Every structure is written in C-alpha cells, then in structure tokens.
Amino acid sequence: QFIRTQLQSQLNSAQRTMFDLETQIST
C-alpha cells in the first residue's frame, strides 16, 4: 500500500507538471 501510494503521488505530480507546461505552450 505504501509503494502504491508513493507511485500514485509521483504520477499525479508528473501529470500536473505536464498539464502546466502544456497550458503554458498553448496559451
């Protein structure tokens, strides 16, 4: 469960960063 939580947290953070960068590029 700890491993899943850590990986999920890292994935969420990476997705948020990608979303922010895509928004910067598109706007």
mmCIF file of all heavy atoms, coordinates in Angstrom:
data_MODEL
# 
_entry.id   MODEL 
# 
loop_
_atom_site.group_PDB 
_atom_site.id 
_atom_site.type_symbol 
_atom_site.label_atom_id 
_atom_site.label_alt_id 
_atom_site.label_comp_id 
_atom_site.label_asym_id 
_atom_site.label_entity_id 
_atom_site.label_seq_id 
_atom_site.pdbx_PDB_ins_code 
_atom_site.Cartn_x 
_atom_site.Cartn_y 
_atom_site.Cartn_z 
_atom_site.occupancy 
_atom_site.B_iso_or_equiv 
_atom_site.pdbx_formal_charge 
_atom_site.auth_seq_id 
_atom_site.auth_comp_id 
_atom_site.auth_asym_id 
_atom_site.auth_atom_id 
_atom_site.pdbx_PDB_model_num 
ATOM 1   N N   . GLN A 1 1  ? 0.841  -1.204 0.000   1.00 0.00 ? 1  GLN A N   1 
ATOM 2   C CA  . GLN A 1 1  ? 0.000  0.000  0.000   1.00 0.00 ? 1  GLN A CA  1 
ATOM 3   C C   . GLN A 1 1  ? 0.878  1.258  0.000   1.00 0.00 ? 1  GLN A C   1 
ATOM 4   O O   . GLN A 1 1  ? 0.595  2.221  -0.701  1.00 0.00 ? 1  GLN A O   1 
ATOM 5   C CB  . GLN A 1 1  ? -0.923 0.011  1.222   1.00 0.00 ? 1  GLN A CB  1 
ATOM 6   C CG  . GLN A 1 1  ? -1.786 1.254  1.332   1.00 0.00 ? 1  GLN A CG  1 
ATOM 7   C CD  . GLN A 1 1  ? -2.748 1.408  0.173   1.00 0.00 ? 1  GLN A CD  1 
ATOM 8   O OE1 . GLN A 1 1  ? -3.275 0.420  -0.342  1.00 0.00 ? 1  GLN A OE1 1 
ATOM 9   N NE2 . GLN A 1 1  ? -2.976 2.624  -0.256  1.00 0.00 ? 1  GLN A NE2 1 
ATOM 10  N N   . PHE A 1 2  ? 1.943  1.251  0.781   1.00 0.00 ? 2  PHE A N   1 
ATOM 11  C CA  . PHE A 1 2  ? 2.870  2.385  0.815   1.00 0.00 ? 2  PHE A CA  1 
ATOM 12  C C   . PHE A 1 2  ? 3.478  2.607  -0.557  1.00 0.00 ? 2  PHE A C   1 
ATOM 13  O O   . PHE A 1 2  ? 3.566  3.744  -1.037  1.00 0.00 ? 2  PHE A O   1 
ATOM 14  C CB  . PHE A 1 2  ? 3.968  2.136  1.851   1.00 0.00 ? 2  PHE A CB  1 
ATOM 15  C CG  . PHE A 1 2  ? 5.041  3.177  1.844   1.00 0.00 ? 2  PHE A CG  1 
ATOM 16  C CD1 . PHE A 1 2  ? 4.843  4.405  2.458   1.00 0.00 ? 2  PHE A CD1 1 
ATOM 17  C CD2 . PHE A 1 2  ? 6.255  2.941  1.218   1.00 0.00 ? 2  PHE A CD2 1 
ATOM 18  C CE1 . PHE A 1 2  ? 5.833  5.379  2.439   1.00 0.00 ? 2  PHE A CE1 1 
ATOM 19  C CE2 . PHE A 1 2  ? 7.247  3.902  1.192   1.00 0.00 ? 2  PHE A CE2 1 
ATOM 20  C CZ  . PHE A 1 2  ? 7.032  5.123  1.807   1.00 0.00 ? 2  PHE A CZ  1 
ATOM 21  N N   . ILE A 1 3  ? 3.918  1.545  -1.200  1.00 0.00 ? 3  ILE A N   1 
ATOM 22  C CA  . ILE A 1 3  ? 4.531  1.647  -2.519  1.00 0.00 ? 3  ILE A CA  1 
ATOM 23  C C   . ILE A 1 3  ? 3.522  2.207  -3.516  1.00 0.00 ? 3  ILE A C   1 
ATOM 24  O O   . ILE A 1 3  ? 3.835  3.103  -4.301  1.00 0.00 ? 3  ILE A O   1 
ATOM 25  C CB  . ILE A 1 3  ? 5.074  0.283  -2.977  1.00 0.00 ? 3  ILE A CB  1 
ATOM 26  C CG1 . ILE A 1 3  ? 6.248  -0.137 -2.076  1.00 0.00 ? 3  ILE A CG1 1 
ATOM 27  C CG2 . ILE A 1 3  ? 5.508  0.320  -4.441  1.00 0.00 ? 3  ILE A CG2 1 
ATOM 28  C CD1 . ILE A 1 3  ? 6.701  -1.565 -2.284  1.00 0.00 ? 3  ILE A CD1 1 
ATOM 29  N N   . ARG A 1 4  ? 2.286  1.689  -3.503  1.00 0.00 ? 4  ARG A N   1 
ATOM 30  C CA  . ARG A 1 4  ? 1.246  2.185  -4.403  1.00 0.00 ? 4  ARG A CA  1 
ATOM 31  C C   . ARG A 1 4  ? 0.973  3.667  -4.169  1.00 0.00 ? 4  ARG A C   1 
ATOM 32  O O   . ARG A 1 4  ? 0.841  4.440  -5.109  1.00 0.00 ? 4  ARG A O   1 
ATOM 33  C CB  . ARG A 1 4  ? -0.046 1.387  -4.243  1.00 0.00 ? 4  ARG A CB  1 
ATOM 34  C CG  . ARG A 1 4  ? -0.047 0.066  -4.979  1.00 0.00 ? 4  ARG A CG  1 
ATOM 35  C CD  . ARG A 1 4  ? -1.439 -0.521 -5.056  1.00 0.00 ? 4  ARG A CD  1 
ATOM 36  N NE  . ARG A 1 4  ? -2.014 -0.818 -3.744  1.00 0.00 ? 4  ARG A NE  1 
ATOM 37  C CZ  . ARG A 1 4  ? -1.831 -1.938 -3.072  1.00 0.00 ? 4  ARG A CZ  1 
ATOM 38  N NH1 . ARG A 1 4  ? -1.099 -2.900 -3.588  1.00 0.00 ? 4  ARG A NH1 1 
ATOM 39  N NH2 . ARG A 1 4  ? -2.380 -2.114 -1.896  1.00 0.00 ? 4  ARG A NH2 1 
ATOM 40  N N   . THR A 1 5  ? 0.908  4.060  -2.913  1.00 0.00 ? 5  THR A N   1 
ATOM 41  C CA  . THR A 1 5  ? 0.639  5.457  -2.573  1.00 0.00 ? 5  THR A CA  1 
ATOM 42  C C   . THR A 1 5  ? 1.758  6.363  -3.075  1.00 0.00 ? 5  THR A C   1 
ATOM 43  O O   . THR A 1 5  ? 1.505  7.430  -3.640  1.00 0.00 ? 5  THR A O   1 
ATOM 44  C CB  . THR A 1 5  ? 0.468  5.623  -1.057  1.00 0.00 ? 5  THR A CB  1 
ATOM 45  O OG1 . THR A 1 5  ? -0.602 4.780  -0.618  1.00 0.00 ? 5  THR A OG1 1 
ATOM 46  C CG2 . THR A 1 5  ? 0.159  7.048  -0.680  1.00 0.00 ? 5  THR A CG2 1 
ATOM 47  N N   . GLN A 1 6  ? 2.998  5.952  -2.874  1.00 0.00 ? 6  GLN A N   1 
ATOM 48  C CA  . GLN A 1 6  ? 4.137  6.738  -3.333  1.00 0.00 ? 6  GLN A CA  1 
ATOM 49  C C   . GLN A 1 6  ? 4.130  6.880  -4.856  1.00 0.00 ? 6  GLN A C   1 
ATOM 50  O O   . GLN A 1 6  ? 4.333  7.974  -5.385  1.00 0.00 ? 6  GLN A O   1 
ATOM 51  C CB  . GLN A 1 6  ? 5.452  6.096  -2.892  1.00 0.00 ? 6  GLN A CB  1 
ATOM 52  C CG  . GLN A 1 6  ? 5.737  6.216  -1.415  1.00 0.00 ? 6  GLN A CG  1 
ATOM 53  C CD  . GLN A 1 6  ? 5.952  7.638  -0.997  1.00 0.00 ? 6  GLN A CD  1 
ATOM 54  O OE1 . GLN A 1 6  ? 5.078  8.250  -0.408  1.00 0.00 ? 6  GLN A OE1 1 
ATOM 55  N NE2 . GLN A 1 6  ? 7.094  8.191  -1.313  1.00 0.00 ? 6  GLN A NE2 1 
ATOM 56  N N   . LEU A 1 7  ? 3.935  5.783  -5.551  1.00 0.00 ? 7  LEU A N   1 
ATOM 57  C CA  . LEU A 1 7  ? 3.926  5.822  -7.013  1.00 0.00 ? 7  LEU A CA  1 
ATOM 58  C C   . LEU A 1 7  ? 2.778  6.669  -7.539  1.00 0.00 ? 7  LEU A C   1 
ATOM 59  O O   . LEU A 1 7  ? 2.937  7.442  -8.485  1.00 0.00 ? 7  LEU A O   1 
ATOM 60  C CB  . LEU A 1 7  ? 3.861  4.405  -7.585  1.00 0.00 ? 7  LEU A CB  1 
ATOM 61  C CG  . LEU A 1 7  ? 5.113  3.553  -7.385  1.00 0.00 ? 7  LEU A CG  1 
ATOM 62  C CD1 . LEU A 1 7  ? 4.880  2.131  -7.872  1.00 0.00 ? 7  LEU A CD1 1 
ATOM 63  C CD2 . LEU A 1 7  ? 6.305  4.171  -8.086  1.00 0.00 ? 7  LEU A CD2 1 
ATOM 64  N N   . GLN A 1 8  ? 1.608  6.548  -6.922  1.00 0.00 ? 8  GLN A N   1 
ATOM 65  C CA  . GLN A 1 8  ? 0.457  7.340  -7.339  1.00 0.00 ? 8  GLN A CA  1 
ATOM 66  C C   . GLN A 1 8  ? 0.724  8.831  -7.131  1.00 0.00 ? 8  GLN A C   1 
ATOM 67  O O   . GLN A 1 8  ? 0.401  9.659  -7.978  1.00 0.00 ? 8  GLN A O   1 
ATOM 68  C CB  . GLN A 1 8  ? -0.801 6.919  -6.573  1.00 0.00 ? 8  GLN A CB  1 
ATOM 69  C CG  . GLN A 1 8  ? -2.063 7.595  -7.060  1.00 0.00 ? 8  GLN A CG  1 
ATOM 70  C CD  . GLN A 1 8  ? -2.420 7.192  -8.469  1.00 0.00 ? 8  GLN A CD  1 
ATOM 71  O OE1 . GLN A 1 8  ? -2.387 6.015  -8.817  1.00 0.00 ? 8  GLN A OE1 1 
ATOM 72  N NE2 . GLN A 1 8  ? -2.737 8.165  -9.293  1.00 0.00 ? 8  GLN A NE2 1 
ATOM 73  N N   . SER A 1 9  ? 1.345  9.156  -6.027  1.00 0.00 ? 9  SER A N   1 
ATOM 74  C CA  . SER A 1 9  ? 1.683  10.546 -5.741  1.00 0.00 ? 9  SER A CA  1 
ATOM 75  C C   . SER A 1 9  ? 2.657  11.101 -6.782  1.00 0.00 ? 9  SER A C   1 
ATOM 76  O O   . SER A 1 9  ? 2.503  12.225 -7.256  1.00 0.00 ? 9  SER A O   1 
ATOM 77  C CB  . SER A 1 9  ? 2.276  10.648 -4.344  1.00 0.00 ? 9  SER A CB  1 
ATOM 78  O OG  . SER A 1 9  ? 2.729  11.937 -4.088  1.00 0.00 ? 9  SER A OG  1 
ATOM 79  N N   . GLN A 1 10 ? 3.647  10.314 -7.133  1.00 0.00 ? 10 GLN A N   1 
ATOM 80  C CA  . GLN A 1 10 ? 4.619  10.740 -8.134  1.00 0.00 ? 10 GLN A CA  1 
ATOM 81  C C   . GLN A 1 10 ? 3.965  10.904 -9.506  1.00 0.00 ? 10 GLN A C   1 
ATOM 82  O O   . GLN A 1 10 ? 4.260  11.852 -10.234 1.00 0.00 ? 10 GLN A O   1 
ATOM 83  C CB  . GLN A 1 10 ? 5.773  9.755  -8.200  1.00 0.00 ? 10 GLN A CB  1 
ATOM 84  C CG  . GLN A 1 10 ? 6.649  9.793  -6.966  1.00 0.00 ? 10 GLN A CG  1 
ATOM 85  C CD  . GLN A 1 10 ? 7.684  8.686  -6.942  1.00 0.00 ? 10 GLN A CD  1 
ATOM 86  O OE1 . GLN A 1 10 ? 7.739  7.848  -7.832  1.00 0.00 ? 10 GLN A OE1 1 
ATOM 87  N NE2 . GLN A 1 10 ? 8.504  8.678  -5.909  1.00 0.00 ? 10 GLN A NE2 1 
ATOM 88  N N   . LEU A 1 11 ? 3.078  9.983  -9.860  1.00 0.00 ? 11 LEU A N   1 
ATOM 89  C CA  . LEU A 1 11 ? 2.375  10.089 -11.136 1.00 0.00 ? 11 LEU A CA  1 
ATOM 90  C C   . LEU A 1 11 ? 1.495  11.330 -11.180 1.00 0.00 ? 11 LEU A C   1 
ATOM 91  O O   . LEU A 1 11 ? 1.455  12.046 -12.178 1.00 0.00 ? 11 LEU A O   1 
ATOM 92  C CB  . LEU A 1 11 ? 1.523  8.843  -11.390 1.00 0.00 ? 11 LEU A CB  1 
ATOM 93  C CG  . LEU A 1 11 ? 2.278  7.603  -11.823 1.00 0.00 ? 11 LEU A CG  1 
ATOM 94  C CD1 . LEU A 1 11 ? 1.352  6.395  -11.839 1.00 0.00 ? 11 LEU A CD1 1 
ATOM 95  C CD2 . LEU A 1 11 ? 2.888  7.815  -13.192 1.00 0.00 ? 11 LEU A CD2 1 
ATOM 96  N N   . ASN A 1 12 ? 0.780  11.601 -10.097 1.00 0.00 ? 12 ASN A N   1 
ATOM 97  C CA  . ASN A 1 12 ? -0.072 12.782 -10.034 1.00 0.00 ? 12 ASN A CA  1 
ATOM 98  C C   . ASN A 1 12 ? 0.750  14.058 -10.186 1.00 0.00 ? 12 ASN A C   1 
ATOM 99  O O   . ASN A 1 12 ? 0.349  14.984 -10.886 1.00 0.00 ? 12 ASN A O   1 
ATOM 100 C CB  . ASN A 1 12 ? -0.867 12.821 -8.731  1.00 0.00 ? 12 ASN A CB  1 
ATOM 101 C CG  . ASN A 1 12 ? -1.952 11.779 -8.678  1.00 0.00 ? 12 ASN A CG  1 
ATOM 102 O OD1 . ASN A 1 12 ? -2.365 11.242 -9.699  1.00 0.00 ? 12 ASN A OD1 1 
ATOM 103 N ND2 . ASN A 1 12 ? -2.411 11.463 -7.484  1.00 0.00 ? 12 ASN A ND2 1 
ATOM 104 N N   . SER A 1 13 ? 1.882  14.104 -9.532  1.00 0.00 ? 13 SER A N   1 
ATOM 105 C CA  . SER A 1 13 ? 2.748  15.266 -9.621  1.00 0.00 ? 13 SER A CA  1 
ATOM 106 C C   . SER A 1 13 ? 3.274  15.451 -11.046 1.00 0.00 ? 13 SER A C   1 
ATOM 107 O O   . SER A 1 13 ? 3.293  16.570 -11.571 1.00 0.00 ? 13 SER A O   1 
ATOM 108 C CB  . SER A 1 13 ? 3.913  15.116 -8.645  1.00 0.00 ? 13 SER A CB  1 
ATOM 109 O OG  . SER A 1 13 ? 4.794  16.185 -8.754  1.00 0.00 ? 13 SER A OG  1 
ATOM 110 N N   . ALA A 1 14 ? 3.671  14.374 -11.675 1.00 0.00 ? 14 ALA A N   1 
ATOM 111 C CA  . ALA A 1 14 ? 4.178  14.442 -13.047 1.00 0.00 ? 14 ALA A CA  1 
ATOM 112 C C   . ALA A 1 14 ? 3.076  14.889 -14.008 1.00 0.00 ? 14 ALA A C   1 
ATOM 113 O O   . ALA A 1 14 ? 3.322  15.699 -14.913 1.00 0.00 ? 14 ALA A O   1 
ATOM 114 C CB  . ALA A 1 14 ? 4.747  13.097 -13.470 1.00 0.00 ? 14 ALA A CB  1 
ATOM 115 N N   . GLN A 1 15 ? 1.859  14.388 -13.804 1.00 0.00 ? 15 GLN A N   1 
ATOM 116 C CA  . GLN A 1 15 ? 0.744  14.783 -14.659 1.00 0.00 ? 15 GLN A CA  1 
ATOM 117 C C   . GLN A 1 15 ? 0.435  16.267 -14.500 1.00 0.00 ? 15 GLN A C   1 
ATOM 118 O O   . GLN A 1 15 ? 0.159  16.959 -15.480 1.00 0.00 ? 15 GLN A O   1 
ATOM 119 C CB  . GLN A 1 15 ? -0.508 13.966 -14.347 1.00 0.00 ? 15 GLN A CB  1 
ATOM 120 C CG  . GLN A 1 15 ? -0.491 12.588 -14.944 1.00 0.00 ? 15 GLN A CG  1 
ATOM 121 C CD  . GLN A 1 15 ? -1.776 11.831 -14.644 1.00 0.00 ? 15 GLN A CD  1 
ATOM 122 O OE1 . GLN A 1 15 ? -2.336 11.930 -13.559 1.00 0.00 ? 15 GLN A OE1 1 
ATOM 123 N NE2 . GLN A 1 15 ? -2.249 11.094 -15.631 1.00 0.00 ? 15 GLN A NE2 1 
ATOM 124 N N   . ARG A 1 16 ? 0.480  16.756 -13.281 1.00 0.00 ? 16 ARG A N   1 
ATOM 125 C CA  . ARG A 1 16 ? 0.209  18.171 -13.029 1.00 0.00 ? 16 ARG A CA  1 
ATOM 126 C C   . ARG A 1 16 ? 1.271  19.043 -13.701 1.00 0.00 ? 16 ARG A C   1 
ATOM 127 O O   . ARG A 1 16 ? 0.960  20.067 -14.305 1.00 0.00 ? 16 ARG A O   1 
ATOM 128 C CB  . ARG A 1 16 ? 0.165  18.448 -11.520 1.00 0.00 ? 16 ARG A CB  1 
ATOM 129 C CG  . ARG A 1 16 ? -0.100 19.871 -11.157 1.00 0.00 ? 16 ARG A CG  1 
ATOM 130 C CD  . ARG A 1 16 ? -1.470 20.287 -11.617 1.00 0.00 ? 16 ARG A CD  1 
ATOM 131 N NE  . ARG A 1 16 ? -1.601 21.726 -11.513 1.00 0.00 ? 16 ARG A NE  1 
ATOM 132 C CZ  . ARG A 1 16 ? -2.625 22.413 -11.939 1.00 0.00 ? 16 ARG A CZ  1 
ATOM 133 N NH1 . ARG A 1 16 ? -3.640 21.786 -12.493 1.00 0.00 ? 16 ARG A NH1 1 
ATOM 134 N NH2 . ARG A 1 16 ? -2.670 23.699 -11.823 1.00 0.00 ? 16 ARG A NH2 1 
ATOM 135 N N   . THR A 1 17 ? 2.509  18.630 -13.615 1.00 0.00 ? 17 THR A N   1 
ATOM 136 C CA  . THR A 1 17 ? 3.588  19.374 -14.261 1.00 0.00 ? 17 THR A CA  1 
ATOM 137 C C   . THR A 1 17 ? 3.400  19.389 -15.773 1.00 0.00 ? 17 THR A C   1 
ATOM 138 O O   . THR A 1 17 ? 3.548  20.438 -16.414 1.00 0.00 ? 17 THR A O   1 
ATOM 139 C CB  . THR A 1 17 ? 4.954  18.767 -13.900 1.00 0.00 ? 17 THR A CB  1 
ATOM 140 O OG1 . THR A 1 17 ? 5.116  18.828 -12.477 1.00 0.00 ? 17 THR A OG1 1 
ATOM 141 C CG2 . THR A 1 17 ? 6.093  19.502 -14.574 1.00 0.00 ? 17 THR A CG2 1 
ATOM 142 N N   . MET A 1 18 ? 3.055  18.253 -16.346 1.00 0.00 ? 18 MET A N   1 
ATOM 143 C CA  . MET A 1 18 ? 2.823  18.179 -17.784 1.00 0.00 ? 18 MET A CA  1 
ATOM 144 C C   . MET A 1 18 ? 1.652  19.065 -18.188 1.00 0.00 ? 18 MET A C   1 
ATOM 145 O O   . MET A 1 18 ? 1.702  19.773 -19.195 1.00 0.00 ? 18 MET A O   1 
ATOM 146 C CB  . MET A 1 18 ? 2.570  16.736 -18.219 1.00 0.00 ? 18 MET A CB  1 
ATOM 147 C CG  . MET A 1 18 ? 3.823  15.902 -18.278 1.00 0.00 ? 18 MET A CG  1 
ATOM 148 S SD  . MET A 1 18 ? 3.549  14.221 -18.836 1.00 0.00 ? 18 MET A SD  1 
ATOM 149 C CE  . MET A 1 18 ? 2.811  14.469 -20.422 1.00 0.00 ? 18 MET A CE  1 
ATOM 150 N N   . PHE A 1 19 ? 0.581  19.055 -17.403 1.00 0.00 ? 19 PHE A N   1 
ATOM 151 C CA  . PHE A 1 19 ? -0.579 19.891 -17.688 1.00 0.00 ? 19 PHE A CA  1 
ATOM 152 C C   . PHE A 1 19 ? -0.190 21.369 -17.665 1.00 0.00 ? 19 PHE A C   1 
ATOM 153 O O   . PHE A 1 19 ? -0.574 22.136 -18.560 1.00 0.00 ? 19 PHE A O   1 
ATOM 154 C CB  . PHE A 1 19 ? -1.698 19.616 -16.676 1.00 0.00 ? 19 PHE A CB  1 
ATOM 155 C CG  . PHE A 1 19 ? -2.877 20.529 -16.840 1.00 0.00 ? 19 PHE A CG  1 
ATOM 156 C CD1 . PHE A 1 19 ? -3.797 20.311 -17.850 1.00 0.00 ? 19 PHE A CD1 1 
ATOM 157 C CD2 . PHE A 1 19 ? -3.061 21.603 -15.994 1.00 0.00 ? 19 PHE A CD2 1 
ATOM 158 C CE1 . PHE A 1 19 ? -4.882 21.149 -18.010 1.00 0.00 ? 19 PHE A CE1 1 
ATOM 159 C CE2 . PHE A 1 19 ? -4.131 22.456 -16.146 1.00 0.00 ? 19 PHE A CE2 1 
ATOM 160 C CZ  . PHE A 1 19 ? -5.060 22.235 -17.158 1.00 0.00 ? 19 PHE A CZ  1 
ATOM 161 N N   . ASP A 1 20 ? 0.570  21.771 -16.659 1.00 0.00 ? 20 ASP A N   1 
ATOM 162 C CA  . ASP A 1 20 ? 1.007  23.166 -16.552 1.00 0.00 ? 20 ASP A CA  1 
ATOM 163 C C   . ASP A 1 20 ? 1.857  23.570 -17.756 1.00 0.00 ? 20 ASP A C   1 
ATOM 164 O O   . ASP A 1 20 ? 1.683  24.664 -18.311 1.00 0.00 ? 20 ASP A O   1 
ATOM 165 C CB  . ASP A 1 20 ? 1.782  23.397 -15.255 1.00 0.00 ? 20 ASP A CB  1 
ATOM 166 C CG  . ASP A 1 20 ? 0.902  23.327 -14.016 1.00 0.00 ? 20 ASP A CG  1 
ATOM 167 O OD1 . ASP A 1 20 ? -0.334 23.419 -14.149 1.00 0.00 ? 20 ASP A OD1 1 
ATOM 168 O OD2 . ASP A 1 20 ? 1.460  23.169 -12.906 1.00 0.00 ? 20 ASP A OD2 1 
ATOM 169 N N   . LEU A 1 21 ? 2.776  22.703 -18.161 1.00 0.00 ? 21 LEU A N   1 
ATOM 170 C CA  . LEU A 1 21 ? 3.629  23.007 -19.315 1.00 0.00 ? 21 LEU A CA  1 
ATOM 171 C C   . LEU A 1 21 ? 2.825  23.071 -20.604 1.00 0.00 ? 21 LEU A C   1 
ATOM 172 O O   . LEU A 1 21 ? 3.045  23.954 -21.440 1.00 0.00 ? 21 LEU A O   1 
ATOM 173 C CB  . LEU A 1 21 ? 4.747  21.969 -19.434 1.00 0.00 ? 21 LEU A CB  1 
ATOM 174 C CG  . LEU A 1 21 ? 5.803  22.019 -18.338 1.00 0.00 ? 21 LEU A CG  1 
ATOM 175 C CD1 . LEU A 1 21 ? 6.748  20.817 -18.454 1.00 0.00 ? 21 LEU A CD1 1 
ATOM 176 C CD2 . LEU A 1 21 ? 6.570  23.315 -18.383 1.00 0.00 ? 21 LEU A CD2 1 
ATOM 177 N N   . GLU A 1 22 ? 1.869  22.166 -20.778 1.00 0.00 ? 22 GLU A N   1 
ATOM 178 C CA  . GLU A 1 22 ? 1.026  22.189 -21.965 1.00 0.00 ? 22 GLU A CA  1 
ATOM 179 C C   . GLU A 1 22 ? 0.197  23.468 -22.013 1.00 0.00 ? 22 GLU A C   1 
ATOM 180 O O   . GLU A 1 22 ? 0.011  24.063 -23.077 1.00 0.00 ? 22 GLU A O   1 
ATOM 181 C CB  . GLU A 1 22 ? 0.112  20.966 -21.999 1.00 0.00 ? 22 GLU A CB  1 
ATOM 182 C CG  . GLU A 1 22 ? 0.840  19.683 -22.303 1.00 0.00 ? 22 GLU A CG  1 
ATOM 183 C CD  . GLU A 1 22 ? -0.033 18.443 -22.133 1.00 0.00 ? 22 GLU A CD  1 
ATOM 184 O OE1 . GLU A 1 22 ? -1.163 18.562 -21.629 1.00 0.00 ? 22 GLU A OE1 1 
ATOM 185 O OE2 . GLU A 1 22 ? 0.421  17.359 -22.514 1.00 0.00 ? 22 GLU A OE2 1 
ATOM 186 N N   . THR A 1 23 ? -0.290 23.906 -20.863 1.00 0.00 ? 23 THR A N   1 
ATOM 187 C CA  . THR A 1 23 ? -1.068 25.142 -20.794 1.00 0.00 ? 23 THR A CA  1 
ATOM 188 C C   . THR A 1 23 ? -0.186 26.336 -21.149 1.00 0.00 ? 23 THR A C   1 
ATOM 189 O O   . THR A 1 23 ? -0.614 27.233 -21.890 1.00 0.00 ? 23 THR A O   1 
ATOM 190 C CB  . THR A 1 23 ? -1.678 25.325 -19.389 1.00 0.00 ? 23 THR A CB  1 
ATOM 191 O OG1 . THR A 1 23 ? -2.505 24.204 -19.096 1.00 0.00 ? 23 THR A OG1 1 
ATOM 192 C CG2 . THR A 1 23 ? -2.502 26.592 -19.303 1.00 0.00 ? 23 THR A CG2 1 
ATOM 193 N N   . GLN A 1 24 ? 1.034  26.354 -20.646 1.00 0.00 ? 24 GLN A N   1 
ATOM 194 C CA  . GLN A 1 24 ? 1.948  27.443 -20.973 1.00 0.00 ? 24 GLN A CA  1 
ATOM 195 C C   . GLN A 1 24 ? 2.231  27.493 -22.477 1.00 0.00 ? 24 GLN A C   1 
ATOM 196 O O   . GLN A 1 24 ? 2.253  28.566 -23.079 1.00 0.00 ? 24 GLN A O   1 
ATOM 197 C CB  . GLN A 1 24 ? 3.260  27.287 -20.215 1.00 0.00 ? 24 GLN A CB  1 
ATOM 198 C CG  . GLN A 1 24 ? 3.168  27.584 -18.743 1.00 0.00 ? 24 GLN A CG  1 
ATOM 199 C CD  . GLN A 1 24 ? 4.483  27.321 -18.016 1.00 0.00 ? 24 GLN A CD  1 
ATOM 200 O OE1 . GLN A 1 24 ? 5.506  27.071 -18.636 1.00 0.00 ? 24 GLN A OE1 1 
ATOM 201 N NE2 . GLN A 1 24 ? 4.446  27.381 -16.701 1.00 0.00 ? 24 GLN A NE2 1 
ATOM 202 N N   . ILE A 1 25 ? 2.420  26.328 -23.069 1.00 0.00 ? 25 ILE A N   1 
ATOM 203 C CA  . ILE A 1 25 ? 2.713  26.272 -24.506 1.00 0.00 ? 25 ILE A CA  1 
ATOM 204 C C   . ILE A 1 25 ? 1.505  26.717 -25.322 1.00 0.00 ? 25 ILE A C   1 
ATOM 205 O O   . ILE A 1 25 ? 1.633  27.507 -26.252 1.00 0.00 ? 25 ILE A O   1 
ATOM 206 C CB  . ILE A 1 25 ? 3.159  24.849 -24.909 1.00 0.00 ? 25 ILE A CB  1 
ATOM 207 C CG1 . ILE A 1 25 ? 4.529  24.542 -24.312 1.00 0.00 ? 25 ILE A CG1 1 
ATOM 208 C CG2 . ILE A 1 25 ? 3.184  24.694 -26.429 1.00 0.00 ? 25 ILE A CG2 1 
ATOM 209 C CD1 . ILE A 1 25 ? 4.932  23.089 -24.405 1.00 0.00 ? 25 ILE A CD1 1 
ATOM 210 N N   . SER A 1 26 ? 0.335  26.230 -24.971 1.00 0.00 ? 26 SER A N   1 
ATOM 211 C CA  . SER A 1 26 ? -0.850 26.520 -25.777 1.00 0.00 ? 26 SER A CA  1 
ATOM 212 C C   . SER A 1 26 ? -1.334 27.963 -25.634 1.00 0.00 ? 26 SER A C   1 
ATOM 213 O O   . SER A 1 26 ? -1.859 28.535 -26.576 1.00 0.00 ? 26 SER A O   1 
ATOM 214 C CB  . SER A 1 26 ? -1.985 25.547 -25.444 1.00 0.00 ? 26 SER A CB  1 
ATOM 215 O OG  . SER A 1 26 ? -2.452 25.754 -24.133 1.00 0.00 ? 26 SER A OG  1 
ATOM 216 N N   . THR A 1 27 ? -1.159 28.559 -24.455 1.00 0.00 ? 27 THR A N   1 
ATOM 217 C CA  . THR A 1 27 ? -1.634 29.922 -24.253 1.00 0.00 ? 27 THR A CA  1 
ATOM 218 C C   . THR A 1 27 ? -0.549 30.961 -24.497 1.00 0.00 ? 27 THR A C   1 
ATOM 219 O O   . THR A 1 27 ? -0.852 32.123 -24.755 1.00 0.00 ? 27 THR A O   1 
ATOM 220 C CB  . THR A 1 27 ? -2.160 30.130 -22.816 1.00 0.00 ? 27 THR A CB  1 
ATOM 221 O OG1 . THR A 1 27 ? -1.088 29.957 -21.894 1.00 0.00 ? 27 THR A OG1 1 
ATOM 222 C CG2 . THR A 1 27 ? -3.299 29.187 -22.500 1.00 0.00 ? 27 THR A CG2 1 
# 
